[in-house]
Amino acid sequence: MSDLTIRRLEGLDEQSFACLVDLLVDCVEGGASVNFLWPMNRAKAETFWRVVAAGLARGDRALVIAQDADGTILGTAQAVWAHQENSPHRAEVAKMLVRRRARGRGVGAAVLAAVEQAALDAGRTLLLLDTASAEAERLYERGGWQRVGTVPKYALTPDGAFCSTVYFYKDLAAGQGTDAP
């Protein structure tokens, strides 16, 4: 998408907060298995994004967004830093969301590349993620992510049915020519 702007947010202003709430509701209503069950409503989404805003304020994550020319947030992802003493090099990619009407247009790949760069900028070289979406699996594989395996009945889809999840990792240091954390 030529009119796509990718940026990292340091906090959530009123407009970004409202757009992210809309994005989360859109994805869950569309069946995305991202920790929420139907009925999905704005109150649940607002609570989630308040927690994210607090995490941003603490500095425990990076949040990237993709916006169209009108400023609508079409996609987002987070890198959440591991807090264990022995894992200063690790982060989890979380809540990779793309608005339904924007899927298949490069938004996911752009957001994924941006969150990988944000993690690398923060010294995080090993990234982990999980997905219950075959479409997302293809995106991660194209992006050089390595499949670890599938866990059956890991979670529930928004309608309450069991779904499996697939775990992936990516070693960003491998692309930097170093094994150091």
C-alpha atoms as a PDB file:
ATOM      1  CA  MET A   1       0.000   0.000   0.000  1.00  0.00           C
ATOM      2  CA  SER A   2       1.604   3.236  -1.106  1.00  0.00           C
ATOM      3  CA  ASP A   3      -0.436   5.435   1.264  1.00  0.00           C
ATOM      4  CA  LEU A   4       0.533   3.417   4.356  1.00  0.00           C
ATOM      5  CA  THR A   5       2.396   5.097   7.225  1.00  0.00           C
ATOM      6  CA  ILE A   6       4.129   2.931   9.808  1.00  0.00           C
ATOM      7  CA  ARG A   7       5.090   4.421  13.148  1.00  0.00           C
ATOM      8  CA  ARG A   8       5.927   3.510  16.696  1.00  0.00           C
ATOM      9  CA  LEU A   9       3.732   4.953  19.447  1.00  0.00           C
ATOM     10  CA  GLU A  10       5.276   5.973  22.758  1.00  0.00           C
ATOM     11  CA  GLY A  11       1.833   6.460  24.301  1.00  0.00           C
ATOM     12  CA  LEU A  12      -1.837   6.485  23.343  1.00  0.00           C
ATOM     13  CA  ASP A  13      -3.537   9.783  22.619  1.00  0.00           C
ATOM     14  CA  GLU A  14      -7.330   9.944  22.456  1.00  0.00           C
ATOM     15  CA  GLN A  15      -7.508   9.453  18.688  1.00  0.00           C
ATOM     16  CA  SER A  16      -5.069   6.509  18.583  1.00  0.00           C
ATOM     17  CA  PHE A  17      -6.827   4.910  21.547  1.00  0.00           C
ATOM     18  CA  ALA A  18     -10.233   5.109  19.806  1.00  0.00           C
ATOM     19  CA  CYS A  19      -8.815   3.737  16.520  1.00  0.00           C
ATOM     20  CA  LEU A  20      -7.117   0.837  18.310  1.00  0.00           C
ATOM     21  CA  VAL A  21     -10.346   0.011  20.133  1.00  0.00           C
ATOM     22  CA  ASP A  22     -12.152  -0.067  16.774  1.00  0.00           C
ATOM     23  CA  LEU A  23      -9.425  -2.258  15.286  1.00  0.00           C
ATOM     24  CA  LEU A  24      -9.578  -4.815  18.111  1.00  0.00           C
ATOM     25  CA  VAL A  25     -13.382  -4.988  17.963  1.00  0.00           C
ATOM     26  CA  ASP A  26     -13.242  -5.432  14.171  1.00  0.00           C
ATOM     27  CA  CYS A  27     -10.749  -8.298  14.419  1.00  0.00           C
ATOM     28  CA  VAL A  28     -12.565 -10.173  17.184  1.00  0.00           C
ATOM     29  CA  GLU A  29     -15.944  -9.709  15.469  1.00  0.00           C
ATOM     30  CA  GLY A  30     -14.280 -11.207  12.392  1.00  0.00           C
ATOM     31  CA  GLY A  31     -13.308 -14.318  14.334  1.00  0.00           C
ATOM     32  CA  ALA A  32      -9.697 -13.548  15.348  1.00  0.00           C
ATOM     33  CA  SER A  33      -8.581 -15.664  18.292  1.00  0.00           C
ATOM     34  CA  VAL A  34      -6.766 -12.942  20.231  1.00  0.00           C
ATOM     35  CA  ASN A  35      -7.854 -13.726  23.816  1.00  0.00           C
ATOM     36  CA  PHE A  36     -11.450 -12.498  23.590  1.00  0.00           C
ATOM     37  CA  LEU A  37     -14.822 -14.222  23.276  1.00  0.00           C
ATOM     38  CA  TRP A  38     -18.073 -13.009  21.738  1.00  0.00           C
ATOM     39  CA  PRO A  39     -19.881 -10.838  22.349  1.00  0.00           C
ATOM     40  CA  MET A  40     -17.036  -8.381  21.849  1.00  0.00           C
ATOM     41  CA  ASN A  41     -17.720  -4.837  22.886  1.00  0.00           C
ATOM     42  CA  ARG A  42     -15.945  -1.533  23.187  1.00  0.00           C
ATOM     43  CA  ALA A  43     -15.678  -1.778  26.976  1.00  0.00           C
ATOM     44  CA  LYS A  44     -13.559  -4.962  26.772  1.00  0.00           C
ATOM     45  CA  ALA A  45     -11.398  -3.420  24.048  1.00  0.00           C
ATOM     46  CA  GLU A  46     -10.967  -0.180  26.003  1.00  0.00           C
ATOM     47  CA  THR A  47      -9.833  -2.122  29.085  1.00  0.00           C
ATOM     48  CA  PHE A  48      -7.284  -4.006  27.002  1.00  0.00           C
ATOM     49  CA  TRP A  49      -5.823  -0.837  25.453  1.00  0.00           C
ATOM     50  CA  ARG A  50      -5.622   0.861  28.871  1.00  0.00           C
ATOM     51  CA  VAL A  51      -3.407  -2.024  30.011  1.00  0.00           C
ATOM     52  CA  VAL A  52      -1.265  -1.581  26.895  1.00  0.00           C
ATOM     53  CA  ALA A  53      -0.992   2.170  27.557  1.00  0.00           C
ATOM     54  CA  ALA A  54       0.206   1.435  31.098  1.00  0.00           C
ATOM     55  CA  GLY A  55       2.782  -0.976  29.676  1.00  0.00           C
ATOM     56  CA  LEU A  56       4.013   1.682  27.277  1.00  0.00           C
ATOM     57  CA  ALA A  57       4.336   4.133  30.172  1.00  0.00           C
ATOM     58  CA  ARG A  58       6.400   1.543  32.118  1.00  0.00           C
ATOM     59  CA  GLY A  59       8.574   0.934  29.040  1.00  0.00           C
ATOM     60  CA  ASP A  60       7.862  -2.792  28.921  1.00  0.00           C
ATOM     61  CA  ARG A  61       6.884  -2.958  25.260  1.00  0.00           C
ATOM     62  CA  ALA A  62       6.955  -1.391  21.817  1.00  0.00           C
ATOM     63  CA  LEU A  63       3.736  -0.657  19.923  1.00  0.00           C
ATOM     64  CA  VAL A  64       3.714  -0.075  16.178  1.00  0.00           C
ATOM     65  CA  ILE A  65       0.812   0.908  13.969  1.00  0.00           C
ATOM     66  CA  ALA A  66       0.033   1.177  10.263  1.00  0.00           C
ATOM     67  CA  GLN A  67      -2.231   4.045   9.194  1.00  0.00           C
ATOM     68  CA  ASP A  68      -3.853   4.927   5.904  1.00  0.00           C
ATOM     69  CA  ALA A  69      -3.831   8.440   4.405  1.00  0.00           C
ATOM     70  CA  ASP A  70      -6.926   9.358   6.452  1.00  0.00           C
ATOM     71  CA  GLY A  71      -5.205   8.389   9.722  1.00  0.00           C
ATOM     72  CA  THR A  72      -7.249   5.214  10.258  1.00  0.00           C
ATOM     73  CA  ILE A  73      -5.205   2.534  12.002  1.00  0.00           C
ATOM     74  CA  LEU A  74      -5.257  -0.507   9.738  1.00  0.00           C
ATOM     75  CA  GLY A  75      -2.858  -2.701  11.680  1.00  0.00           C
ATOM     76  CA  THR A  76      -0.810  -2.989  14.837  1.00  0.00           C
ATOM     77  CA  ALA A  77       1.590  -5.241  16.706  1.00  0.00           C
ATOM     78  CA  GLN A  78       3.473  -5.143  19.968  1.00  0.00           C
ATOM     79  CA  ALA A  79       6.804  -6.490  21.144  1.00  0.00           C
ATOM     80  CA  VAL A  80       6.531  -7.214  24.860  1.00  0.00           C
ATOM     81  CA  TRP A  81       9.898  -7.413  26.604  1.00  0.00           C
ATOM     82  CA  ALA A  82      10.686 -10.520  28.665  1.00  0.00           C
ATOM     83  CA  HIS A  83      11.350  -9.512  32.277  1.00  0.00           C
ATOM     84  CA  GLN A  84      13.271 -12.573  33.430  1.00  0.00           C
ATOM     85  CA  GLU A  85      16.847 -11.835  34.477  1.00  0.00           C
ATOM     86  CA  ASN A  86      18.189 -14.469  32.098  1.00  0.00           C
ATOM     87  CA  SER A  87      16.204 -13.199  29.098  1.00  0.00           C
ATOM     88  CA  PRO A  88      17.210  -9.591  28.372  1.00  0.00           C
ATOM     89  CA  HIS A  89      17.468 -10.523  24.690  1.00  0.00           C
ATOM     90  CA  ARG A  90      13.915 -11.855  24.270  1.00  0.00           C
ATOM     91  CA  ALA A  91      10.471 -10.431  23.436  1.00  0.00           C
ATOM     92  CA  GLU A  92       7.064 -11.751  22.453  1.00  0.00           C
ATOM     93  CA  VAL A  93       5.205 -10.362  19.464  1.00  0.00           C
ATOM     94  CA  ALA A  94       1.630  -9.852  20.626  1.00  0.00           C
ATOM     95  CA  LYS A  95      -1.705  -8.647  19.310  1.00  0.00           C
ATOM     96  CA  MET A  96      -0.736  -8.566  15.657  1.00  0.00           C
ATOM     97  CA  LEU A  97      -4.006  -7.189  14.273  1.00  0.00           C
ATOM     98  CA  VAL A  98      -5.016  -6.135  10.771  1.00  0.00           C
ATOM     99  CA  ARG A  99      -8.405  -4.613  10.035  1.00  0.00           C
ATOM    100  CA  ARG A 100     -10.473  -7.032   7.944  1.00  0.00           C
ATOM    101  CA  ARG A 101     -10.887  -4.638   5.021  1.00  0.00           C
ATOM    102  CA  ALA A 102      -7.103  -4.126   4.835  1.00  0.00           C
ATOM    103  CA  ARG A 103      -6.002  -7.766   4.783  1.00  0.00           C
ATOM    104  CA  GLY A 104      -4.027  -9.045   1.833  1.00  0.00           C
ATOM    105  CA  ARG A 105      -2.637  -5.562   1.071  1.00  0.00           C
ATOM    106  CA  GLY A 106       0.755  -5.745   2.807  1.00  0.00           C
ATOM    107  CA  VAL A 107      -0.315  -4.200   6.118  1.00  0.00           C
ATOM    108  CA  GLY A 108       0.596  -7.271   8.167  1.00  0.00           C
ATOM    109  CA  ALA A 109       4.040  -7.594   6.598  1.00  0.00           C
ATOM    110  CA  ALA A 110       4.736  -3.887   7.156  1.00  0.00           C
ATOM    111  CA  VAL A 111       3.663  -3.996  10.810  1.00  0.00           C
ATOM    112  CA  LEU A 112       5.625  -7.197  11.407  1.00  0.00           C
ATOM    113  CA  ALA A 113       8.817  -5.689   9.946  1.00  0.00           C
ATOM    114  CA  ALA A 114       8.346  -2.558  12.064  1.00  0.00           C
ATOM    115  CA  VAL A 115       7.831  -4.477  15.315  1.00  0.00           C
ATOM    116  CA  GLU A 116      10.887  -6.613  14.540  1.00  0.00           C
ATOM    117  CA  GLN A 117      12.933  -3.430  14.056  1.00  0.00           C
ATOM    118  CA  ALA A 118      11.575  -1.918  17.292  1.00  0.00           C
ATOM    119  CA  ALA A 119      12.646  -5.068  19.151  1.00  0.00           C
ATOM    120  CA  LEU A 120      16.080  -5.007  17.558  1.00  0.00           C
ATOM    121  CA  ASP A 121      16.457  -1.310  18.430  1.00  0.00           C
ATOM    122  CA  ALA A 122      15.736  -2.271  22.050  1.00  0.00           C
ATOM    123  CA  GLY A 123      18.399  -4.991  21.996  1.00  0.00           C
ATOM    124  CA  ARG A 124      15.874  -7.830  21.758  1.00  0.00           C
ATOM    125  CA  THR A 125      17.148 -10.365  19.275  1.00  0.00           C
ATOM    126  CA  LEU A 126      14.964 -13.420  19.876  1.00  0.00           C
ATOM    127  CA  LEU A 127      11.264 -13.026  19.152  1.00  0.00           C
ATOM    128  CA  LEU A 128       8.464 -15.494  19.841  1.00  0.00           C
ATOM    129  CA  LEU A 129       4.825 -15.510  18.798  1.00  0.00           C
ATOM    130  CA  ASP A 130       1.834 -17.761  18.467  1.00  0.00           C
ATOM    131  CA  THR A 131      -1.041 -17.751  16.031  1.00  0.00           C
ATOM    132  CA  ALA A 132      -4.275 -19.588  15.386  1.00  0.00           C
ATOM    133  CA  SER A 133      -4.570 -18.219  11.844  1.00  0.00           C
ATOM    134  CA  ALA A 134      -3.427 -20.105   8.747  1.00  0.00           C
ATOM    135  CA  GLU A 135      -3.233 -16.774   6.908  1.00  0.00           C
ATOM    136  CA  ALA A 136      -0.889 -15.394   9.575  1.00  0.00           C
ATOM    137  CA  GLU A 137       1.198 -18.591   9.486  1.00  0.00           C
ATOM    138  CA  ARG A 138       1.938 -17.942   5.818  1.00  0.00           C
ATOM    139  CA  LEU A 139       2.882 -14.321   6.605  1.00  0.00           C
ATOM    140  CA  TYR A 140       5.330 -15.388   9.328  1.00  0.00           C
ATOM    141  CA  GLU A 141       6.883 -18.098   7.191  1.00  0.00           C
ATOM    142  CA  ARG A 142       7.388 -15.604   4.324  1.00  0.00           C
ATOM    143  CA  GLY A 143       9.011 -13.273   6.864  1.00  0.00           C
ATOM    144  CA  GLY A 144      11.641 -15.831   7.841  1.00  0.00           C
ATOM    145  CA  TRP A 145      10.037 -17.013  11.070  1.00  0.00           C
ATOM    146  CA  GLN A 146      10.686 -20.621  12.122  1.00  0.00           C
ATOM    147  CA  ARG A 147       7.780 -22.868  13.071  1.00  0.00           C
ATOM    148  CA  VAL A 148       8.275 -24.567  16.446  1.00  0.00           C
ATOM    149  CA  GLY A 149       5.116 -26.646  16.605  1.00  0.00           C
ATOM    150  CA  THR A 150       1.386 -26.850  17.189  1.00  0.00           C
ATOM    151  CA  VAL A 151      -0.417 -27.063  20.523  1.00  0.00           C
ATOM    152  CA  PRO A 152      -3.904 -28.567  20.091  1.00  0.00           C
ATOM    153  CA  LYS A 153      -6.858 -27.099  21.992  1.00  0.00           C
ATOM    154  CA  TYR A 154      -4.674 -24.221  23.169  1.00  0.00           C
ATOM    155  CA  ALA A 155      -7.431 -21.616  23.318  1.00  0.00           C
ATOM    156  CA  LEU A 156     -10.974 -20.868  22.286  1.00  0.00           C
ATOM    157  CA  THR A 157     -12.113 -19.006  19.208  1.00  0.00           C
ATOM    158  CA  PRO A 158     -14.448 -16.059  19.858  1.00  0.00           C
ATOM    159  CA  ASP A 159     -17.448 -18.386  19.445  1.00  0.00           C
ATOM    160  CA  GLY A 160     -16.113 -20.727  22.160  1.00  0.00           C
ATOM    161  CA  ALA A 161     -14.778 -23.577  20.001  1.00  0.00           C
ATOM    162  CA  PHE A 162     -11.330 -25.047  20.713  1.00  0.00           C
ATOM    163  CA  CYS A 163      -8.509 -24.006  18.412  1.00  0.00           C
ATOM    164  CA  SER A 164      -4.892 -25.017  18.075  1.00  0.00           C
ATOM    165  CA  THR A 165      -2.069 -22.528  18.055  1.00  0.00           C
ATOM    166  CA  VAL A 166       1.229 -22.612  16.211  1.00  0.00           C
ATOM    167  CA  TYR A 167       4.376 -21.212  17.822  1.00  0.00           C
ATOM    168  CA  PHE A 168       7.075 -19.427  15.837  1.00  0.00           C
ATOM    169  CA  TYR A 169      10.401 -17.789  16.649  1.00  0.00           C
ATOM    170  CA  LYS A 170      12.777 -15.486  14.833  1.00  0.00           C
ATOM    171  CA  ASP A 171      16.429 -14.931  15.686  1.00  0.00           C
ATOM    172  CA  LEU A 172      17.105 -11.337  14.684  1.00  0.00           C
ATOM    173  CA  ALA A 173      20.790 -11.676  15.661  1.00  0.00           C
ATOM    174  CA  ALA A 174      21.229 -14.247  12.888  1.00  0.00           C
ATOM    175  CA  GLY A 175      20.686 -11.416  10.415  1.00  0.00           C
ATOM    176  CA  GLN A 176      23.187  -9.221  12.289  1.00  0.00           C
ATOM    177  CA  GLY A 177      26.082 -11.700  12.207  1.00  0.00           C
ATOM    178  CA  THR A 178      26.213 -12.163  16.004  1.00  0.00           C
ATOM    179  CA  ASP A 179      25.155 -14.703  18.586  1.00  0.00           C
ATOM    180  CA  ALA A 180      25.422 -12.234  21.475  1.00  0.00           C
ATOM    181  CA  PRO A 181      22.277 -11.370  23.471  1.00  0.00           C
END
